[in-house]
Protein backbone atom coordinates (compact mmCIF):
# COMPACT_ATOMS: atom_id res chain seq x y z
CA MET A 1 -0.05 0.13 0.03
CA VAL A 2 2.84 2.41 0.34
CA TYR A 3 3.47 2.49 -3.26
CA LEU A 4 -0.29 3.39 -3.55
CA VAL A 5 -0.07 6.23 -1.08
CA LEU A 6 3.13 7.84 -2.94
CA SER A 7 1.27 7.67 -6.24
CA ILE A 8 -1.82 9.34 -4.62
CA ILE A 9 0.50 11.98 -3.37
CA CYS A 10 2.30 12.65 -6.63
CA SER A 11 -1.28 12.57 -8.35
CA VAL A 12 -2.59 15.16 -6.07
CA THR A 13 0.38 17.44 -6.50
CA VAL A 14 0.16 17.32 -10.16
CA GLY A 15 -3.74 18.46 -9.75
CA VAL A 16 -2.52 21.29 -7.66
CA LEU A 17 0.22 22.39 -10.17
CA PHE A 18 -2.37 22.46 -12.82
CA LYS A 19 -4.50 24.50 -10.92
CA LEU A 20 -1.81 26.97 -9.79
CA ALA A 21 -0.80 27.04 -13.63
CA ARG A 22 -4.30 28.33 -14.79
CA ARG A 23 -4.20 31.10 -11.90
CA TYR A 24 -0.43 32.20 -13.05
CA GLN A 25 -1.27 31.83 -16.70
CA ILE A 26 1.17 29.12 -17.49
CA ASN A 27 1.25 27.71 -20.84
CA LEU A 28 -0.03 24.15 -20.25
CA THR A 29 1.09 22.69 -23.82
CA GLN A 30 4.66 24.00 -23.21
CA ALA A 31 4.72 22.66 -19.52
CA ILE A 32 3.30 19.43 -20.69
CA THR A 33 5.80 19.06 -23.28
CA TRP A 34 8.76 19.71 -21.04
CA ASN A 35 7.34 17.51 -18.33
CA TYR A 36 7.87 14.55 -20.48
CA PHE A 37 11.45 15.77 -21.34
CA PHE A 38 12.25 15.86 -17.70
CA ALA A 39 10.50 12.57 -16.98
CA ILE A 40 12.90 11.08 -19.89
CA GLY A 41 16.01 12.54 -17.78
CA LEU A 42 14.71 11.18 -14.46
CA SER A 43 14.23 7.39 -16.28
CA LEU A 44 17.79 7.66 -17.50
CA MET A 45 19.22 8.48 -14.18
CA CYS A 46 17.16 6.57 -11.77
CA PHE A 47 16.48 3.42 -13.79
CA LYS A 48 19.29 3.32 -16.27
CA PRO A 49 17.06 1.39 -18.65
CA ASP A 50 18.08 -1.99 -20.23
CA PHE A 51 18.05 -1.32 -24.06
CA SER A 52 19.61 -4.99 -24.76
CA THR A 53 16.02 -6.23 -24.44
CA LEU A 54 14.58 -4.04 -26.98
CA THR A 55 13.73 -5.51 -30.37
CA VAL A 56 11.14 -4.58 -32.79
CA ALA A 57 9.24 -7.76 -31.84
CA ASN A 58 9.54 -6.74 -28.04
CA ILE A 59 7.80 -3.22 -28.64
CA SER A 60 4.34 -3.77 -27.41
CA PRO A 61 1.54 -1.55 -29.20
CA ILE A 62 0.41 -0.55 -25.66
CA TYR A 63 3.50 1.81 -25.40
CA LEU A 64 2.69 3.53 -28.69
CA THR A 65 -1.02 3.70 -27.53
CA LEU A 66 -0.25 5.31 -24.04
CA GLY A 67 2.55 7.60 -25.54
CA ILE A 68 -0.39 9.12 -27.83
CA LEU A 69 -3.07 8.99 -25.14
CA MET A 70 -0.92 10.75 -22.44
CA PRO A 71 -0.46 14.16 -23.81
CA CYS A 72 -3.78 14.20 -25.68
CA ILE A 73 -5.59 13.47 -22.33
CA PHE A 74 -4.15 16.73 -20.91
CA ILE A 75 -5.52 18.66 -23.78
CA PHE A 76 -8.89 16.97 -23.24
CA LEU A 77 -8.68 17.90 -19.62
CA GLY A 78 -8.04 21.43 -20.47
CA LEU A 79 -10.87 21.85 -23.05
CA SER A 80 -13.15 20.09 -20.67
CA VAL A 81 -12.46 22.46 -17.62
CA ARG A 82 -12.97 25.70 -20.10
CA ASN A 83 -16.33 24.32 -21.45
CA ALA A 84 -17.71 22.13 -18.84
CA GLY A 85 -16.45 23.43 -15.77
CA LEU A 86 -14.02 22.00 -13.36
CA ALA A 87 -16.69 19.99 -11.28
CA ARG A 88 -18.05 18.20 -14.21
CA THR A 89 -14.69 17.46 -15.49
CA ASP A 90 -13.71 15.85 -12.08
CA ILE A 91 -16.74 13.80 -12.11
CA ALA A 92 -15.95 12.52 -15.67
CA GLN A 93 -12.32 11.66 -14.43
CA ARG A 94 -13.25 9.83 -11.42
CA LEU A 95 -16.21 7.89 -13.21
CA SER A 96 -13.69 6.43 -15.43
CA LEU A 97 -13.24 4.22 -12.30
CA PHE A 98 -16.08 2.27 -14.07
CA ILE A 99 -13.92 1.27 -17.03
CA SER A 100 -11.12 0.34 -14.81
CA LEU A 101 -13.16 -2.01 -12.63
CA SER A 102 -14.85 -3.57 -15.47
CA ALA A 103 -11.69 -4.53 -17.17
CA ALA A 104 -10.54 -6.05 -13.47
CA TYR A 105 -13.49 -8.17 -13.60
CA PHE A 106 -13.85 -9.00 -17.47
CA LEU A 107 -10.32 -8.62 -18.69
CA PHE A 108 -8.02 -9.55 -15.69
CA LYS A 109 -10.57 -12.10 -14.16
CA GLU A 110 -10.49 -10.87 -10.71
CA ASN A 111 -12.90 -12.28 -8.21
CA PHE A 112 -14.80 -9.74 -6.36
CA ASP A 113 -15.92 -10.43 -2.63
CA ARG A 114 -18.67 -9.02 -0.86
CA TYR A 115 -16.68 -6.30 1.07
CA LYS A 116 -15.13 -5.27 -2.54
CA GLU A 117 -18.62 -5.04 -4.07
CA VAL A 118 -20.02 -2.79 -1.32
CA GLY A 119 -16.84 -0.72 -1.16
CA ILE A 120 -17.29 -0.08 -5.02
CA VAL A 121 -20.74 0.92 -4.50
CA PHE A 122 -19.74 3.47 -1.91
CA GLY A 123 -17.06 4.64 -3.83
CA PHE A 124 -19.23 5.68 -7.06
CA ALA A 125 -21.62 7.51 -4.38
CA ALA A 126 -18.53 9.23 -3.12
CA ILE A 127 -17.68 10.45 -6.45
CA ILE A 128 -20.95 12.06 -7.13
CA PHE A 129 -21.43 13.55 -3.66
CA THR A 130 -18.00 15.06 -3.55
CA MET A 131 -17.83 16.43 -7.06
CA TYR A 132 -21.47 18.14 -6.83
CA ARG A 133 -21.72 21.85 -7.24
CA LYS A 134 -24.91 23.77 -7.73
CA SER A 135 -23.54 26.45 -9.85
CA ASP A 136 -21.76 24.22 -12.42
CA ARG A 137 -23.46 24.77 -15.80
CA VAL A 138 -22.34 23.46 -19.06
CA THR A 139 -21.60 26.22 -21.49
CA SER A 140 -20.94 24.69 -24.77
CA LYS A 141 -22.63 22.22 -27.22
CA ARG A 142 -19.10 20.32 -27.29
CA SER A 143 -19.01 19.86 -23.67
CA TRP A 144 -20.40 16.48 -23.38
CA LEU A 145 -17.82 15.40 -26.28
CA TYR A 146 -15.05 16.80 -23.88
CA LEU A 147 -16.38 15.05 -20.82
CA LEU A 148 -16.70 11.87 -22.67
CA LEU A 149 -13.09 12.14 -23.94
CA VAL A 150 -11.81 12.66 -20.30
CA PHE A 151 -14.06 9.69 -19.09
CA LEU A 152 -12.76 7.23 -21.87
CA GLY A 153 -9.00 8.48 -21.74
CA PHE A 154 -8.41 8.21 -17.98
CA GLY A 155 -10.46 4.70 -18.06
CA ILE A 156 -8.18 3.54 -20.91
CA VAL A 157 -4.88 4.87 -19.57
CA ASP A 158 -5.59 3.03 -16.19
CA VAL A 159 -6.12 -0.06 -17.97
CA LEU A 160 -3.22 -0.05 -20.38
CA PHE A 161 -0.71 0.79 -17.41
CA LYS A 162 -1.96 -2.31 -15.64
CA MET A 163 -1.22 -4.13 -18.81
CA VAL A 164 2.33 -2.52 -18.86
CA SER A 165 2.86 -3.62 -15.32
CA GLN A 166 2.29 -7.52 -16.82
CA ILE A 167 4.80 -7.35 -19.58
CA THR A 168 7.76 -9.41 -18.61
CA VAL A 169 9.90 -9.29 -21.67
CA ILE A 170 10.77 -5.75 -21.04
CA PRO A 171 11.48 -4.30 -17.49
CA TYR A 172 8.73 -1.99 -16.53
CA THR A 173 11.33 0.58 -16.02
CA THR A 174 12.44 0.38 -19.37
CA SER A 175 8.69 0.25 -20.67
CA LEU A 176 8.19 3.59 -18.70
CA PHE A 177 11.16 5.35 -20.48
CA ILE A 178 9.74 4.35 -23.81
CA ILE A 179 6.48 5.66 -23.14
CA TYR A 180 7.60 9.04 -22.02
CA CYS A 181 9.79 9.22 -25.30
CA ILE A 182 6.98 8.73 -27.41
CA ALA A 183 4.89 11.09 -25.38
CA PHE A 184 7.63 13.84 -25.56
CA VAL A 185 8.31 13.48 -29.36
CA LEU A 186 4.59 13.81 -30.09
CA SER A 187 4.16 16.79 -27.65
CA LEU A 188 7.34 18.44 -29.21
CA LEU A 189 5.99 18.17 -32.73
CA TYR A 190 2.54 19.69 -31.68
CA LEU A 191 4.58 22.51 -29.85
CA LEU A 192 6.38 23.34 -32.91
CA PHE A 193 3.50 23.20 -34.89
CA LEU A 194 1.92 25.94 -32.63
CA VAL A 195 5.10 27.81 -32.75
CA TRP A 196 5.18 27.85 -36.56
CA ARG A 197 1.52 28.37 -37.40
CA LYS A 198 0.11 30.10 -34.19
CA LYS A 199 3.16 32.08 -33.53
CA THR A 200 3.23 30.75 -29.85
CA LYS A 201 6.34 32.24 -28.07
CA LEU A 202 8.63 30.08 -26.10
CA GLN A 203 9.06 31.24 -22.55
CA LEU A 204 11.47 29.98 -20.06
CA VAL A 205 9.07 30.03 -17.16
CA ASN A 206 7.22 27.09 -18.89
CA PHE A 207 10.24 25.21 -19.15
CA PHE A 208 10.81 25.24 -15.31
CA CYS A 209 7.20 24.71 -14.44
CA GLY A 210 7.63 21.51 -16.66
CA CYS A 211 10.53 20.53 -14.68
CA ILE A 212 8.46 20.64 -11.46
CA LEU A 213 5.41 18.84 -13.29
CA GLY A 214 7.56 16.46 -14.65
CA ILE A 215 9.10 15.17 -11.33
CA PHE A 216 5.72 14.39 -9.88
CA ASN A 217 3.96 13.12 -12.96
CA PHE A 218 7.16 10.66 -13.14
CA GLY A 219 6.53 9.47 -9.53
CA ASN A 220 2.66 9.16 -9.98
CA ILE A 221 3.12 6.86 -12.89
CA LEU A 222 6.10 4.94 -11.28
CA PHE A 223 4.49 4.39 -7.90
CA TYR A 224 1.16 3.36 -9.67
CA LEU A 225 2.87 0.81 -11.80
CA ARG A 226 4.63 -0.61 -8.74
CA ALA A 227 1.29 -0.73 -6.82
CA HIS A 228 -0.08 -2.97 -9.77
CA LYS A 229 2.90 -5.28 -9.57
CA GLU A 230 2.91 -5.44 -5.68
CA MET A 231 -0.88 -6.02 -5.83
CA TYR A 232 -0.83 -8.26 -8.93
CA ASP A 233 -4.11 -10.08 -8.26
CA ASN A 234 -6.00 -7.08 -7.05
CA PRO A 235 -6.24 -4.51 -9.76
CA SER A 236 -9.56 -3.41 -8.61
CA THR A 237 -7.83 -2.46 -5.23
CA VAL A 238 -5.42 -0.28 -7.04
CA PHE A 239 -7.80 1.43 -9.13
CA ALA A 240 -10.78 2.03 -6.58
CA ALA A 241 -8.31 3.24 -3.57
CA MET A 242 -6.52 5.23 -6.06
CA ASN A 243 -9.48 7.41 -7.05
CA MET A 244 -10.83 7.42 -3.69
CA GLY A 245 -7.44 8.70 -2.13
CA VAL A 246 -7.11 11.31 -4.86
CA ILE A 247 -10.83 12.47 -4.08
CA ILE A 248 -10.18 12.74 -0.11
CA ALA A 249 -6.64 14.39 -0.44
CA GLY A 250 -7.60 16.54 -3.16
CA THR A 251 -10.68 17.89 -1.34
CA LEU A 252 -8.90 18.55 2.09
CA ILE A 253 -6.11 20.48 0.12
CA GLY A 254 -9.05 22.28 -1.64
CA ILE A 255 -10.48 23.13 1.94
CA PHE A 256 -7.51 24.14 3.64
CA VAL A 257 -4.90 25.65 0.86
CA PHE A 258 -7.21 27.24 -1.55
CA ARG A 259 -10.16 27.71 0.76
CA GLU A 260 -12.82 26.16 -1.15
CA ARG A 261 -16.18 25.78 0.40
CA LEU A 262 -17.91 22.59 0.73
CA SER A 263 -21.70 21.66 0.86
CA ARG A 264 -23.06 18.88 3.25
CA TRP A 265 -23.30 16.56 0.00
CA ASN A 266 -19.47 17.08 -0.38
CA TYR A 267 -18.69 16.29 3.09
CA LEU A 268 -20.89 13.14 2.72
CA GLY A 269 -18.80 12.12 -0.24
CA LEU A 270 -15.87 12.33 1.65
CA ILE A 271 -17.07 10.08 4.40
CA LEU A 272 -18.25 7.54 1.74
CA ALA A 273 -14.87 7.66 0.30
CA LEU A 274 -13.17 6.75 3.47
CA VAL A 275 -15.77 4.04 4.03
CA SER A 276 -14.82 2.64 0.46
CA ILE A 277 -11.16 2.36 1.06
CA ILE A 278 -11.83 0.91 4.53
CA LEU A 279 -14.01 -1.97 2.84
CA ILE A 280 -11.71 -2.38 -0.03
CA THR A 281 -8.57 -2.61 2.31
CA LEU A 282 -10.62 -5.40 4.19
CA SER A 283 -11.43 -7.46 1.29
CA LYS A 284 -7.69 -8.05 1.04
CA ILE A 285 -7.77 -9.22 4.69
CA TYR A 286 -11.03 -11.35 4.74
CA ALA A 287 -12.45 -13.37 1.86
CA VAL A 288 -16.10 -13.44 2.19
């Protein structure tokens, strides 16, 4: 569970950085691009990837899919926040847990006991109550498309990273390095396109912000993969506990750091999220 906690901390920090980026008008496209650049550097320094195992036959299509999806999701996230609002975007992101849990049951053939089943029900209720906002309104006809892309994107990425953790031909640290390289190259090409066609100016502040973002994004994915390897037979535990943990930690930071006000429904959602984590944890101890 240590790796899962560390992944939650890194994930929430990434969310806080994105919130601060909007406040201080940081160019997210540039920051995201340099984020992958620094993630590649961290992979080289920390892991010393084993390239001797790399052959064309060993390169999984999952790597390319993740390399494309990861930068795209950040773009979808920004468009969704702008058009549908932060609250609805958060709901769409957390509801992607449905895709992850469906994959755990149907694709990874995991058995769900009663603790886990009830915990998952509490978890979905927690998502809705925690993200509920009265004043949130959809402002664009394309809003539902962006929300759908966020929902599908995060769910598919979760499942694909679980599949990466199961690859044994190439060490998962080397797999991570390959994925970061693909994501960086594609992000850089898009950024160069914006510089050329849209006359976007490159700014040093975005480079430094990308450095900080890259450190925590690197940690988030690294610990998430290690959590899946540690709990190989319980992918639903990782999927659900990760989402519930992010909800609790993110909401508490919103209250104490950003002075956000919560309704009674939001507090109920926090309690349900905590109950969900307890039940899912108990399912690892007791088989009912």
